[in-house]
Amino acid sequence: MALPEINTILYTTSLGKHTRPVFRQAVQQALANDATLIMLHVVEPVGELGRALIQNYLPEETVKQMHDEGINEIMKQMKQRVKGFRADELDALPETPDLKIKVCVKEGNHADCILDAAEEFSADMIVMGNENRFGHHSHTPRQVNRNAKVPVLVVPTGKQFD
């Protein structure tokens, strides 16, 4: 039986300041396997009450424009994170590795979006942090691990690994 190939890695991020160690692990896996890294951020949709309040006070066109601007801002922030990581950590290496990263934003339930994205991008591995953006243990990694069809690497966030 042949060893499984890892060509695409789905890295999920809350974009928190504490997520750099998780990104490092995802990059390490991508470089070790010469894999493409898909960087995914999931946005929780506005709840029913919030949606009703917004729709009562703002025109639908304005709401759509605000939504699109928000998603574009998240994409911009993700690209800046990748650029900063390259400058801080990869450019200092004797040989700058060829790292293929694509960014993606999805809206919905975190676990469902992660699992859907893994299938959509034919991911061979999922790399994610164990804590949410507030530094608390999240139930999302357990849900993803329970339902994923590919290996899931769960990394403690906010910790340094040598």
N, C-alpha and C. Protein backbone atom coordinates (compact mmCIF):
# COMPACT_ATOMS: atom_id res chain seq x y z
N MET A 1 0.85 -1.18 0.00
CA MET A 1 0.00 0.00 0.00
C MET A 1 0.89 1.24 0.00
N ALA A 2 0.61 2.16 -0.89
CA ALA A 2 1.41 3.38 -1.03
C ALA A 2 1.05 4.39 0.06
N LEU A 3 2.01 5.22 0.39
CA LEU A 3 1.75 6.30 1.34
C LEU A 3 0.81 7.31 0.70
N PRO A 4 -0.08 7.89 1.49
CA PRO A 4 -1.00 8.88 0.91
C PRO A 4 -0.26 10.14 0.47
N GLU A 5 -0.68 10.68 -0.67
CA GLU A 5 -0.10 11.93 -1.15
C GLU A 5 -0.85 13.10 -0.54
N ILE A 6 -0.12 14.14 -0.21
CA ILE A 6 -0.72 15.37 0.30
C ILE A 6 -0.40 16.47 -0.69
N ASN A 7 -1.39 16.80 -1.53
CA ASN A 7 -1.19 17.81 -2.57
C ASN A 7 -1.85 19.14 -2.21
N THR A 8 -2.90 19.08 -1.40
CA THR A 8 -3.63 20.29 -1.02
C THR A 8 -3.92 20.23 0.48
N ILE A 9 -3.57 21.32 1.16
CA ILE A 9 -3.80 21.42 2.60
C ILE A 9 -4.74 22.59 2.85
N LEU A 10 -5.79 22.34 3.60
CA LEU A 10 -6.72 23.39 4.00
C LEU A 10 -6.31 23.87 5.38
N TYR A 11 -5.92 25.14 5.47
CA TYR A 11 -5.54 25.77 6.74
C TYR A 11 -6.66 26.72 7.13
N THR A 12 -7.25 26.51 8.29
CA THR A 12 -8.34 27.37 8.75
C THR A 12 -7.79 28.36 9.77
N THR A 13 -8.25 29.60 9.69
CA THR A 13 -7.73 30.62 10.59
C THR A 13 -8.84 31.56 11.06
N SER A 14 -8.73 31.97 12.32
CA SER A 14 -9.64 32.98 12.86
C SER A 14 -9.07 34.38 12.62
N LEU A 15 -7.86 34.44 12.10
CA LEU A 15 -7.11 35.68 11.86
C LEU A 15 -6.70 36.37 13.16
N GLY A 16 -6.74 35.64 14.26
CA GLY A 16 -6.31 36.20 15.54
C GLY A 16 -4.80 36.32 15.60
N LYS A 17 -4.33 37.15 16.51
CA LYS A 17 -2.88 37.36 16.66
C LYS A 17 -2.18 36.10 17.17
N HIS A 18 -2.93 35.23 17.82
CA HIS A 18 -2.36 34.02 18.43
C HIS A 18 -2.22 32.85 17.45
N THR A 19 -2.54 33.05 16.17
CA THR A 19 -2.59 31.93 15.23
C THR A 19 -1.31 31.66 14.45
N ARG A 20 -0.27 32.44 14.65
CA ARG A 20 0.98 32.26 13.90
C ARG A 20 1.54 30.84 14.04
N PRO A 21 1.54 30.23 15.24
CA PRO A 21 2.06 28.85 15.34
C PRO A 21 1.28 27.85 14.48
N VAL A 22 0.00 28.06 14.33
CA VAL A 22 -0.81 27.16 13.49
C VAL A 22 -0.43 27.36 12.03
N PHE A 23 -0.26 28.61 11.63
CA PHE A 23 0.14 28.92 10.26
C PHE A 23 1.51 28.30 9.97
N ARG A 24 2.43 28.38 10.94
CA ARG A 24 3.76 27.78 10.75
C ARG A 24 3.63 26.28 10.46
N GLN A 25 2.79 25.60 11.23
CA GLN A 25 2.61 24.16 11.03
C GLN A 25 2.02 23.87 9.65
N ALA A 26 1.05 24.69 9.23
CA ALA A 26 0.44 24.51 7.92
C ALA A 26 1.48 24.73 6.82
N VAL A 27 2.28 25.77 6.96
CA VAL A 27 3.33 26.05 5.97
C VAL A 27 4.35 24.92 5.94
N GLN A 28 4.74 24.43 7.12
CA GLN A 28 5.70 23.33 7.19
C GLN A 28 5.17 22.10 6.45
N GLN A 29 3.91 21.78 6.68
CA GLN A 29 3.30 20.63 5.99
C GLN A 29 3.25 20.86 4.48
N ALA A 30 2.90 22.08 4.07
CA ALA A 30 2.83 22.40 2.65
C ALA A 30 4.20 22.29 1.99
N LEU A 31 5.22 22.82 2.64
CA LEU A 31 6.57 22.77 2.08
C LEU A 31 7.09 21.33 2.05
N ALA A 32 6.85 20.58 3.11
CA ALA A 32 7.33 19.19 3.17
C ALA A 32 6.70 18.31 2.10
N ASN A 33 5.48 18.65 1.72
CA ASN A 33 4.75 17.84 0.74
C ASN A 33 4.63 18.49 -0.64
N ASP A 34 5.26 19.65 -0.80
CA ASP A 34 5.14 20.42 -2.04
C ASP A 34 3.66 20.57 -2.41
N ALA A 35 2.88 20.96 -1.39
CA ALA A 35 1.42 21.05 -1.54
C ALA A 35 0.97 22.51 -1.63
N THR A 36 -0.19 22.69 -2.21
CA THR A 36 -0.84 23.99 -2.23
C THR A 36 -1.54 24.18 -0.89
N LEU A 37 -1.45 25.39 -0.35
CA LEU A 37 -2.08 25.71 0.93
C LEU A 37 -3.29 26.61 0.66
N ILE A 38 -4.45 26.16 1.09
CA ILE A 38 -5.67 26.96 0.99
C ILE A 38 -5.91 27.56 2.36
N MET A 39 -5.85 28.88 2.46
CA MET A 39 -6.06 29.59 3.73
C MET A 39 -7.53 30.00 3.81
N LEU A 40 -8.26 29.43 4.76
CA LEU A 40 -9.70 29.65 4.87
C LEU A 40 -10.05 30.40 6.15
N HIS A 41 -10.87 31.43 5.99
CA HIS A 41 -11.46 32.13 7.13
C HIS A 41 -12.97 32.01 7.00
N VAL A 42 -13.62 31.60 8.08
CA VAL A 42 -15.07 31.45 8.06
C VAL A 42 -15.70 32.59 8.86
N VAL A 43 -16.68 33.24 8.24
CA VAL A 43 -17.41 34.35 8.86
C VAL A 43 -18.77 33.84 9.29
N GLU A 44 -19.09 34.04 10.54
CA GLU A 44 -20.41 33.65 11.05
C GLU A 44 -21.44 34.63 10.49
N PRO A 45 -22.53 34.13 9.92
CA PRO A 45 -23.54 35.05 9.37
C PRO A 45 -24.26 35.82 10.48
N VAL A 46 -24.82 36.95 10.09
CA VAL A 46 -25.58 37.76 11.04
C VAL A 46 -26.82 36.97 11.45
N GLY A 47 -27.15 37.00 12.73
CA GLY A 47 -28.32 36.29 13.24
C GLY A 47 -29.62 36.92 12.78
N GLU A 48 -30.72 36.24 13.07
CA GLU A 48 -32.04 36.70 12.66
C GLU A 48 -32.36 38.10 13.18
N LEU A 49 -32.09 38.34 14.46
CA LEU A 49 -32.39 39.64 15.06
C LEU A 49 -31.55 40.73 14.40
N GLY A 50 -30.28 40.47 14.25
CA GLY A 50 -29.39 41.44 13.62
C GLY A 50 -29.81 41.75 12.20
N ARG A 51 -30.15 40.70 11.46
CA ARG A 51 -30.58 40.88 10.07
C ARG A 51 -31.86 41.73 10.02
N ALA A 52 -32.81 41.45 10.91
CA ALA A 52 -34.07 42.22 10.93
C ALA A 52 -33.81 43.69 11.26
N LEU A 53 -32.93 43.94 12.22
CA LEU A 53 -32.61 45.33 12.59
C LEU A 53 -31.94 46.06 11.43
N ILE A 54 -30.99 45.39 10.79
CA ILE A 54 -30.27 46.01 9.67
C ILE A 54 -31.23 46.32 8.53
N GLN A 55 -32.07 45.36 8.20
CA GLN A 55 -32.99 45.55 7.08
C GLN A 55 -34.02 46.65 7.34
N ASN A 56 -34.36 46.88 8.61
CA ASN A 56 -35.32 47.93 8.93
C ASN A 56 -34.72 49.32 8.82
N TYR A 57 -33.40 49.42 8.96
CA TYR A 57 -32.77 50.74 8.98
C TYR A 57 -31.95 51.08 7.75
N LEU A 58 -31.59 50.08 6.98
CA LEU A 58 -30.73 50.33 5.81
C LEU A 58 -31.33 49.71 4.56
N PRO A 59 -31.16 50.38 3.43
CA PRO A 59 -31.62 49.80 2.16
C PRO A 59 -30.84 48.52 1.84
N GLU A 60 -31.48 47.60 1.14
CA GLU A 60 -30.86 46.32 0.79
C GLU A 60 -29.55 46.51 0.04
N GLU A 61 -29.50 47.49 -0.85
CA GLU A 61 -28.29 47.76 -1.63
C GLU A 61 -27.13 48.16 -0.72
N THR A 62 -27.42 48.96 0.30
CA THR A 62 -26.38 49.39 1.25
C THR A 62 -25.87 48.19 2.06
N VAL A 63 -26.79 47.32 2.47
CA VAL A 63 -26.41 46.12 3.23
C VAL A 63 -25.50 45.24 2.38
N LYS A 64 -25.85 45.05 1.11
CA LYS A 64 -25.02 44.23 0.23
C LYS A 64 -23.64 44.86 0.03
N GLN A 65 -23.61 46.16 -0.13
CA GLN A 65 -22.34 46.86 -0.31
C GLN A 65 -21.46 46.71 0.94
N MET A 66 -22.06 46.86 2.11
CA MET A 66 -21.31 46.70 3.36
C MET A 66 -20.78 45.27 3.50
N HIS A 67 -21.61 44.31 3.14
CA HIS A 67 -21.21 42.90 3.19
C HIS A 67 -20.01 42.66 2.29
N ASP A 68 -20.13 43.10 1.03
CA ASP A 68 -19.05 42.88 0.06
C ASP A 68 -17.76 43.58 0.48
N GLU A 69 -17.88 44.80 1.01
CA GLU A 69 -16.70 45.52 1.50
C GLU A 69 -16.05 44.77 2.66
N GLY A 70 -16.87 44.22 3.54
CA GLY A 70 -16.35 43.45 4.67
C GLY A 70 -15.58 42.22 4.21
N ILE A 71 -16.14 41.48 3.26
CA ILE A 71 -15.46 40.28 2.73
C ILE A 71 -14.16 40.69 2.04
N ASN A 72 -14.19 41.76 1.26
CA ASN A 72 -12.97 42.23 0.59
C ASN A 72 -11.90 42.64 1.60
N GLU A 73 -12.32 43.25 2.69
CA GLU A 73 -11.37 43.66 3.74
C GLU A 73 -10.74 42.43 4.40
N ILE A 74 -11.53 41.40 4.62
CA ILE A 74 -10.99 40.16 5.19
C ILE A 74 -9.98 39.54 4.24
N MET A 75 -10.30 39.49 2.95
CA MET A 75 -9.37 38.93 1.95
C MET A 75 -8.06 39.73 1.94
N LYS A 76 -8.18 41.05 2.01
CA LYS A 76 -7.00 41.92 2.04
C LYS A 76 -6.15 41.62 3.27
N GLN A 77 -6.81 41.47 4.41
CA GLN A 77 -6.10 41.16 5.66
C GLN A 77 -5.39 39.81 5.56
N MET A 78 -6.05 38.82 4.96
CA MET A 78 -5.43 37.50 4.80
C MET A 78 -4.19 37.59 3.92
N LYS A 79 -4.28 38.33 2.83
CA LYS A 79 -3.13 38.48 1.93
C LYS A 79 -1.98 39.20 2.63
N GLN A 80 -2.32 40.19 3.49
CA GLN A 80 -1.30 40.89 4.27
C GLN A 80 -0.62 39.95 5.25
N ARG A 81 -1.41 39.05 5.86
CA ARG A 81 -0.83 38.06 6.79
C ARG A 81 0.18 37.17 6.07
N VAL A 82 -0.18 36.72 4.89
CA VAL A 82 0.72 35.86 4.12
C VAL A 82 1.99 36.64 3.76
N LYS A 83 1.82 37.87 3.32
CA LYS A 83 2.97 38.71 2.96
C LYS A 83 3.87 38.94 4.17
N GLY A 84 3.27 39.22 5.32
CA GLY A 84 4.05 39.42 6.55
C GLY A 84 4.79 38.16 6.97
N PHE A 85 4.14 37.01 6.84
CA PHE A 85 4.78 35.75 7.19
C PHE A 85 5.98 35.49 6.29
N ARG A 86 5.79 35.72 4.99
CA ARG A 86 6.91 35.54 4.06
C ARG A 86 8.08 36.44 4.44
N ALA A 87 7.80 37.71 4.72
CA ALA A 87 8.85 38.66 5.06
C ALA A 87 9.53 38.30 6.38
N ASP A 88 8.74 37.94 7.38
CA ASP A 88 9.28 37.66 8.71
C ASP A 88 10.03 36.34 8.79
N GLU A 89 9.53 35.31 8.11
CA GLU A 89 10.04 33.97 8.37
C GLU A 89 10.65 33.27 7.16
N LEU A 90 10.09 33.44 5.99
CA LEU A 90 10.60 32.69 4.84
C LEU A 90 11.75 33.40 4.15
N ASP A 91 11.72 34.73 4.08
CA ASP A 91 12.77 35.47 3.40
C ASP A 91 14.11 35.37 4.13
N ALA A 92 14.08 34.99 5.42
CA ALA A 92 15.31 34.87 6.20
C ALA A 92 16.02 33.53 5.93
N LEU A 93 15.35 32.61 5.28
CA LEU A 93 15.95 31.30 4.99
C LEU A 93 16.99 31.43 3.88
N PRO A 94 18.00 30.54 3.88
CA PRO A 94 19.02 30.61 2.83
C PRO A 94 18.42 30.53 1.43
N GLU A 95 17.43 29.67 1.26
CA GLU A 95 16.71 29.55 -0.01
C GLU A 95 15.24 29.81 0.27
N THR A 96 14.68 30.79 -0.41
CA THR A 96 13.27 31.09 -0.21
C THR A 96 12.44 30.01 -0.90
N PRO A 97 11.66 29.27 -0.10
CA PRO A 97 10.87 28.18 -0.69
C PRO A 97 9.71 28.71 -1.54
N ASP A 98 9.30 27.88 -2.48
CA ASP A 98 8.15 28.22 -3.32
C ASP A 98 6.90 27.77 -2.59
N LEU A 99 6.18 28.72 -2.04
CA LEU A 99 4.98 28.43 -1.26
C LEU A 99 3.76 28.89 -2.03
N LYS A 100 2.88 27.95 -2.33
CA LYS A 100 1.67 28.27 -3.09
C LYS A 100 0.51 28.40 -2.11
N ILE A 101 -0.01 29.63 -1.95
CA ILE A 101 -1.11 29.89 -1.02
C ILE A 101 -2.25 30.58 -1.75
N LYS A 102 -3.46 30.06 -1.53
CA LYS A 102 -4.69 30.69 -2.02
C LYS A 102 -5.53 31.05 -0.81
N VAL A 103 -6.19 32.20 -0.85
CA VAL A 103 -7.03 32.61 0.27
C VAL A 103 -8.51 32.46 -0.09
N CYS A 104 -9.31 32.17 0.92
CA CYS A 104 -10.73 31.90 0.70
C CYS A 104 -11.52 32.32 1.94
N VAL A 105 -12.68 32.93 1.72
CA VAL A 105 -13.58 33.30 2.81
C VAL A 105 -14.92 32.63 2.55
N LYS A 106 -15.46 32.00 3.57
CA LYS A 106 -16.78 31.35 3.48
C LYS A 106 -17.64 31.90 4.61
N GLU A 107 -18.96 31.83 4.41
CA GLU A 107 -19.90 32.28 5.42
C GLU A 107 -20.78 31.13 5.87
N GLY A 108 -20.93 30.99 7.18
CA GLY A 108 -21.81 29.95 7.71
C GLY A 108 -21.25 29.37 9.00
N ASN A 109 -21.77 28.21 9.35
CA ASN A 109 -21.30 27.48 10.52
C ASN A 109 -19.85 27.07 10.28
N HIS A 110 -19.00 27.30 11.27
CA HIS A 110 -17.57 27.06 11.08
C HIS A 110 -17.25 25.63 10.64
N ALA A 111 -17.71 24.65 11.39
CA ALA A 111 -17.37 23.26 11.07
C ALA A 111 -17.90 22.87 9.70
N ASP A 112 -19.14 23.24 9.41
CA ASP A 112 -19.73 22.89 8.12
C ASP A 112 -18.95 23.52 6.97
N CYS A 113 -18.58 24.78 7.12
CA CYS A 113 -17.83 25.47 6.06
C CYS A 113 -16.45 24.86 5.85
N ILE A 114 -15.81 24.47 6.94
CA ILE A 114 -14.48 23.84 6.84
C ILE A 114 -14.58 22.51 6.10
N LEU A 115 -15.55 21.70 6.49
CA LEU A 115 -15.73 20.40 5.85
C LEU A 115 -16.12 20.56 4.38
N ASP A 116 -16.99 21.52 4.08
CA ASP A 116 -17.38 21.79 2.69
C ASP A 116 -16.18 22.25 1.87
N ALA A 117 -15.37 23.13 2.45
CA ALA A 117 -14.19 23.63 1.73
C ALA A 117 -13.18 22.51 1.49
N ALA A 118 -13.02 21.62 2.47
CA ALA A 118 -12.10 20.49 2.29
C ALA A 118 -12.53 19.65 1.09
N GLU A 119 -13.82 19.45 0.96
CA GLU A 119 -14.33 18.68 -0.18
C GLU A 119 -14.21 19.49 -1.48
N GLU A 120 -14.59 20.76 -1.43
CA GLU A 120 -14.54 21.62 -2.62
C GLU A 120 -13.15 21.70 -3.22
N PHE A 121 -12.13 21.84 -2.36
CA PHE A 121 -10.76 22.00 -2.83
C PHE A 121 -10.00 20.67 -2.90
N SER A 122 -10.69 19.56 -2.64
CA SER A 122 -10.06 18.23 -2.63
C SER A 122 -8.85 18.21 -1.70
N ALA A 123 -9.03 18.75 -0.51
CA ALA A 123 -7.94 18.81 0.46
C ALA A 123 -7.55 17.40 0.91
N ASP A 124 -6.26 17.20 1.09
CA ASP A 124 -5.75 15.93 1.58
C ASP A 124 -5.47 15.98 3.07
N MET A 125 -5.53 17.19 3.65
CA MET A 125 -5.27 17.39 5.07
C MET A 125 -5.89 18.72 5.48
N ILE A 126 -6.33 18.78 6.74
CA ILE A 126 -6.83 20.03 7.31
C ILE A 126 -5.92 20.38 8.49
N VAL A 127 -5.48 21.63 8.55
CA VAL A 127 -4.67 22.11 9.67
C VAL A 127 -5.45 23.25 10.31
N MET A 128 -5.67 23.12 11.62
CA MET A 128 -6.45 24.14 12.33
C MET A 128 -5.97 24.28 13.76
N GLY A 129 -6.30 25.43 14.36
CA GLY A 129 -5.95 25.67 15.75
C GLY A 129 -6.98 25.06 16.69
N ASN A 130 -6.56 24.87 17.93
CA ASN A 130 -7.43 24.26 18.94
C ASN A 130 -8.30 25.29 19.66
N GLU A 131 -7.86 26.54 19.67
CA GLU A 131 -8.59 27.57 20.39
C GLU A 131 -9.26 28.54 19.42
N ASN A 132 -10.32 29.18 19.88
CA ASN A 132 -11.02 30.17 19.06
C ASN A 132 -10.32 31.52 19.20
N ARG A 133 -10.90 32.55 18.60
CA ARG A 133 -10.24 33.86 18.58
C ARG A 133 -10.14 34.50 19.96
N PHE A 134 -10.87 33.95 20.95
CA PHE A 134 -10.80 34.49 22.31
C PHE A 134 -9.82 33.70 23.18
N GLY A 135 -9.16 32.70 22.59
CA GLY A 135 -8.20 31.90 23.33
C GLY A 135 -8.82 30.77 24.12
N HIS A 136 -10.10 30.50 23.92
CA HIS A 136 -10.80 29.41 24.61
C HIS A 136 -10.84 28.19 23.70
N HIS A 137 -10.84 27.01 24.31
CA HIS A 137 -10.95 25.79 23.51
C HIS A 137 -12.26 25.83 22.73
N SER A 138 -12.17 25.45 21.49
CA SER A 138 -13.31 25.52 20.59
C SER A 138 -13.86 24.12 20.33
N HIS A 139 -15.15 24.03 20.11
CA HIS A 139 -15.74 22.75 19.75
C HIS A 139 -15.59 22.46 18.26
N THR A 140 -15.23 23.46 17.48
CA THR A 140 -15.10 23.29 16.03
C THR A 140 -14.06 22.22 15.66
N PRO A 141 -12.86 22.20 16.26
CA PRO A 141 -11.91 21.14 15.89
C PRO A 141 -12.46 19.74 16.16
N ARG A 142 -13.19 19.56 17.25
CA ARG A 142 -13.78 18.25 17.54
C ARG A 142 -14.80 17.86 16.46
N GLN A 143 -15.64 18.83 16.07
CA GLN A 143 -16.64 18.55 15.04
C GLN A 143 -15.98 18.22 13.71
N VAL A 144 -14.96 18.99 13.35
CA VAL A 144 -14.26 18.76 12.09
C VAL A 144 -13.58 17.40 12.13
N ASN A 145 -12.87 17.12 13.21
CA ASN A 145 -12.15 15.85 13.34
C ASN A 145 -13.11 14.67 13.27
N ARG A 146 -14.26 14.80 13.88
CA ARG A 146 -15.25 13.73 13.91
C ARG A 146 -15.82 13.44 12.51
N ASN A 147 -15.97 14.48 11.69
CA ASN A 147 -16.66 14.33 10.42
C ASN A 147 -15.77 14.42 9.18
N ALA A 148 -14.51 14.72 9.35
CA ALA A 148 -13.61 14.88 8.20
C ALA A 148 -13.31 13.55 7.53
N LYS A 149 -13.10 13.62 6.23
CA LYS A 149 -12.75 12.43 5.46
C LYS A 149 -11.24 12.37 5.20
N VAL A 150 -10.52 13.38 5.72
CA VAL A 150 -9.07 13.45 5.56
C VAL A 150 -8.45 13.70 6.94
N PRO A 151 -7.15 13.48 7.09
CA PRO A 151 -6.50 13.74 8.38
C PRO A 151 -6.65 15.20 8.80
N VAL A 152 -6.77 15.41 10.11
CA VAL A 152 -6.88 16.75 10.68
C VAL A 152 -5.75 16.94 11.67
N LEU A 153 -4.94 17.98 11.44
CA LEU A 153 -3.87 18.32 12.36
C LEU A 153 -4.36 19.50 13.20
N VAL A 154 -4.55 19.26 14.50
CA VAL A 154 -5.03 20.31 15.41
C VAL A 154 -3.84 20.79 16.23
N VAL A 155 -3.56 22.09 16.13
CA VAL A 155 -2.38 22.69 16.74
C VAL A 155 -2.80 23.61 17.88
N PRO A 156 -2.17 23.48 19.06
CA PRO A 156 -2.46 24.43 20.12
C PRO A 156 -2.04 25.83 19.68
N THR A 157 -2.89 26.82 19.87
CA THR A 157 -2.56 28.18 19.43
C THR A 157 -1.89 28.94 20.55
N GLY A 158 -1.20 30.00 20.15
CA GLY A 158 -0.57 30.88 21.13
C GLY A 158 0.65 30.26 21.79
N LYS A 159 1.19 29.19 21.23
CA LYS A 159 2.36 28.54 21.80
C LYS A 159 3.46 28.51 20.75
N GLN A 160 4.69 28.53 21.21
CA GLN A 160 5.83 28.51 20.31
C GLN A 160 6.36 27.08 20.22
N PHE A 161 6.67 26.63 19.01
CA PHE A 161 7.22 25.30 18.80
C PHE A 161 8.58 25.45 18.16
N ASP A 162 9.56 24.79 18.72
CA ASP A 162 10.92 24.84 18.15
C ASP A 162 11.22 23.61 17.34
